Amino acid sequence: MKTRNRYSNEFKEQAVKRTLSGSFTIKEVSESLGINYYVLRGWRKEYMEQMGKDHNLETDKKIKESEELRKLRKENQKLKEENLILKKFAAILSKDQNPDSN
């Protein structure tokens, strides 16, 4: 028994291209679109084979660099937040040590 296609080819292609852009992981795209992770991964594999990029090292390099960039941006944001917390804490400590200055 053959099941009907639930998603158009255009929708599949756009979802796969989001994973290839490097801004989002397959998991993030699948969750945001409500698609099963393994289904999206399969679409991506088919797309890569159709585009002749199955083992294209340059594409793999770009994907890895994009993933690294995404991770570094997250780490940078976390460090900025931690730095802000430390600055606030230092200000509180300096007020506690110099109660006359108020």
C-alpha atoms as a PDB file:
ATOM      1  CA  MET A   1       0.000   0.000   0.000  1.00  0.00           C
ATOM      2  CA  LYS A   2       1.504   3.290  -1.114  1.00  0.00           C
ATOM      3  CA  THR A   3       1.050   6.337   1.085  1.00  0.00           C
ATOM      4  CA  ARG A   4       0.475   9.729  -0.419  1.00  0.00           C
ATOM      5  CA  ASN A   5       3.123  12.437  -0.165  1.00  0.00           C
ATOM      6  CA  ARG A   6       2.341  14.721   2.716  1.00  0.00           C
ATOM      7  CA  TYR A   7       4.767  17.456   1.733  1.00  0.00           C
ATOM      8  CA  SER A   8       5.364  19.118  -1.626  1.00  0.00           C
ATOM      9  CA  ASN A   9       8.751  18.874  -3.285  1.00  0.00           C
ATOM     10  CA  GLU A  10       9.173  22.625  -2.865  1.00  0.00           C
ATOM     11  CA  PHE A  11       8.578  22.353   0.897  1.00  0.00           C
ATOM     12  CA  LYS A  12      11.096  19.496   1.165  1.00  0.00           C
ATOM     13  CA  GLU A  13      13.699  21.438  -0.795  1.00  0.00           C
ATOM     14  CA  GLN A  14      13.278  24.563   1.342  1.00  0.00           C
ATOM     15  CA  ALA A  15      13.549  22.519   4.541  1.00  0.00           C
ATOM     16  CA  VAL A  16      16.722  20.834   3.293  1.00  0.00           C
ATOM     17  CA  LYS A  17      18.230  24.156   2.216  1.00  0.00           C
ATOM     18  CA  ARG A  18      17.675  25.503   5.732  1.00  0.00           C
ATOM     19  CA  THR A  19      19.785  22.628   7.058  1.00  0.00           C
ATOM     20  CA  LEU A  20      22.478  23.308   4.476  1.00  0.00           C
ATOM     21  CA  SER A  21      22.648  27.045   5.182  1.00  0.00           C
ATOM     22  CA  GLY A  22      24.548  26.342   8.377  1.00  0.00           C
ATOM     23  CA  SER A  23      22.315  28.554  10.478  1.00  0.00           C
ATOM     24  CA  PHE A  24      20.295  25.633  11.789  1.00  0.00           C
ATOM     25  CA  THR A  25      20.936  21.974  12.520  1.00  0.00           C
ATOM     26  CA  ILE A  26      18.742  19.218  11.135  1.00  0.00           C
ATOM     27  CA  LYS A  27      17.248  18.793  14.595  1.00  0.00           C
ATOM     28  CA  GLU A  28      16.365  22.486  14.907  1.00  0.00           C
ATOM     29  CA  VAL A  29      14.750  22.590  11.457  1.00  0.00           C
ATOM     30  CA  SER A  30      12.808  19.382  12.041  1.00  0.00           C
ATOM     31  CA  GLU A  31      11.468  20.664  15.367  1.00  0.00           C
ATOM     32  CA  SER A  32      10.530  24.071  13.978  1.00  0.00           C
ATOM     33  CA  LEU A  33       8.663  22.548  11.031  1.00  0.00           C
ATOM     34  CA  GLY A  34       7.156  19.627  12.938  1.00  0.00           C
ATOM     35  CA  ILE A  35       8.919  17.033  10.800  1.00  0.00           C
ATOM     36  CA  ASN A  36      10.456  13.827  12.069  1.00  0.00           C
ATOM     37  CA  TYR A  37      14.244  14.183  12.326  1.00  0.00           C
ATOM     38  CA  TYR A  38      14.900  10.998  10.352  1.00  0.00           C
ATOM     39  CA  VAL A  39      12.487  12.008   7.584  1.00  0.00           C
ATOM     40  CA  LEU A  40      14.277  15.336   7.137  1.00  0.00           C
ATOM     41  CA  ARG A  41      17.637  13.605   7.233  1.00  0.00           C
ATOM     42  CA  GLY A  42      16.436  11.302   4.454  1.00  0.00           C
ATOM     43  CA  TRP A  43      15.255  14.253   2.382  1.00  0.00           C
ATOM     44  CA  ARG A  44      18.645  15.855   2.845  1.00  0.00           C
ATOM     45  CA  LYS A  45      20.452  12.706   1.740  1.00  0.00           C
ATOM     46  CA  GLU A  46      18.260  12.446  -1.373  1.00  0.00           C
ATOM     47  CA  TYR A  47      18.808  16.118  -2.166  1.00  0.00           C
ATOM     48  CA  MET A  48      22.564  15.789  -1.813  1.00  0.00           C
ATOM     49  CA  GLU A  49      22.592  12.768  -4.112  1.00  0.00           C
ATOM     50  CA  GLN A  50      20.455  14.584  -6.690  1.00  0.00           C
ATOM     51  CA  MET A  51      22.721  17.614  -6.602  1.00  0.00           C
ATOM     52  CA  GLY A  52      25.816  15.451  -6.991  1.00  0.00           C
ATOM     53  CA  LYS A  53      27.164  16.650  -3.666  1.00  0.00           C
ATOM     54  CA  ASP A  54      27.094  13.344  -1.840  1.00  0.00           C
ATOM     55  CA  HIS A  55      30.833  13.428  -1.121  1.00  0.00           C
ATOM     56  CA  ASN A  56      31.684  16.996  -2.018  1.00  0.00           C
ATOM     57  CA  LEU A  57      34.416  18.018   0.402  1.00  0.00           C
ATOM     58  CA  GLU A  58      33.844  21.724  -0.085  1.00  0.00           C
ATOM     59  CA  THR A  59      30.197  21.444   0.924  1.00  0.00           C
ATOM     60  CA  ASP A  60      31.137  19.337   3.934  1.00  0.00           C
ATOM     61  CA  LYS A  61      33.722  21.946   4.907  1.00  0.00           C
ATOM     62  CA  LYS A  62      31.179  24.759   4.634  1.00  0.00           C
ATOM     63  CA  ILE A  63      28.704  22.817   6.764  1.00  0.00           C
ATOM     64  CA  LYS A  64      31.341  22.151   9.428  1.00  0.00           C
ATOM     65  CA  GLU A  65      32.413  25.801   9.424  1.00  0.00           C
ATOM     66  CA  SER A  66      28.806  26.919   9.740  1.00  0.00           C
ATOM     67  CA  GLU A  67      28.234  24.546  12.641  1.00  0.00           C
ATOM     68  CA  GLU A  68      31.389  25.840  14.334  1.00  0.00           C
ATOM     69  CA  LEU A  69      30.306  29.442  13.773  1.00  0.00           C
ATOM     70  CA  ARG A  70      26.894  28.711  15.308  1.00  0.00           C
ATOM     71  CA  LYS A  71      28.531  27.114  18.359  1.00  0.00           C
ATOM     72  CA  LEU A  72      30.957  30.011  18.755  1.00  0.00           C
ATOM     73  CA  ARG A  73      28.128  32.535  18.586  1.00  0.00           C
ATOM     74  CA  LYS A  74      26.270  30.670  21.339  1.00  0.00           C
ATOM     75  CA  GLU A  75      29.428  30.516  23.456  1.00  0.00           C
ATOM     76  CA  ASN A  76      30.077  34.237  22.855  1.00  0.00           C
ATOM     77  CA  GLN A  77      26.552  35.118  24.006  1.00  0.00           C
ATOM     78  CA  LYS A  78      26.973  32.996  27.135  1.00  0.00           C
ATOM     79  CA  LEU A  79      30.290  34.677  27.958  1.00  0.00           C
ATOM     80  CA  LYS A  80      28.775  38.138  27.485  1.00  0.00           C
ATOM     81  CA  GLU A  81      25.984  37.246  29.909  1.00  0.00           C
ATOM     82  CA  GLU A  82      28.475  35.885  32.457  1.00  0.00           C
ATOM     83  CA  ASN A  83      30.595  39.027  32.116  1.00  0.00           C
ATOM     84  CA  LEU A  84      27.562  41.228  32.754  1.00  0.00           C
ATOM     85  CA  ILE A  85      26.712  39.242  35.892  1.00  0.00           C
ATOM     86  CA  LEU A  86      30.289  39.593  37.170  1.00  0.00           C
ATOM     87  CA  LYS A  87      30.256  43.352  36.562  1.00  0.00           C
ATOM     88  CA  LYS A  88      27.016  43.707  38.517  1.00  0.00           C
ATOM     89  CA  PHE A  89      28.419  41.598  41.341  1.00  0.00           C
ATOM     90  CA  ALA A  90      31.599  43.697  41.455  1.00  0.00           C
ATOM     91  CA  ALA A  91      29.500  46.869  41.664  1.00  0.00           C
ATOM     92  CA  ILE A  92      27.500  45.421  44.571  1.00  0.00           C
ATOM     93  CA  LEU A  93      30.706  44.432  46.388  1.00  0.00           C
ATOM     94  CA  SER A  94      32.216  47.879  45.966  1.00  0.00           C
ATOM     95  CA  LYS A  95      29.057  49.489  47.414  1.00  0.00           C
ATOM     96  CA  ASP A  96      29.168  47.116  50.387  1.00  0.00           C
ATOM     97  CA  GLN A  97      32.813  47.964  51.092  1.00  0.00           C
ATOM     98  CA  ASN A  98      32.255  51.743  50.804  1.00  0.00           C
ATOM     99  CA  PRO A  99      28.927  52.493  52.507  1.00  0.00           C
ATOM    100  CA  ASP A 100      29.929  56.158  53.034  1.00  0.00           C
ATOM    101  CA  SER A 101      29.924  56.998  49.326  1.00  0.00           C
ATOM    102  CA  ASN A 102      26.085  56.935  49.086  1.00  0.00           C
END
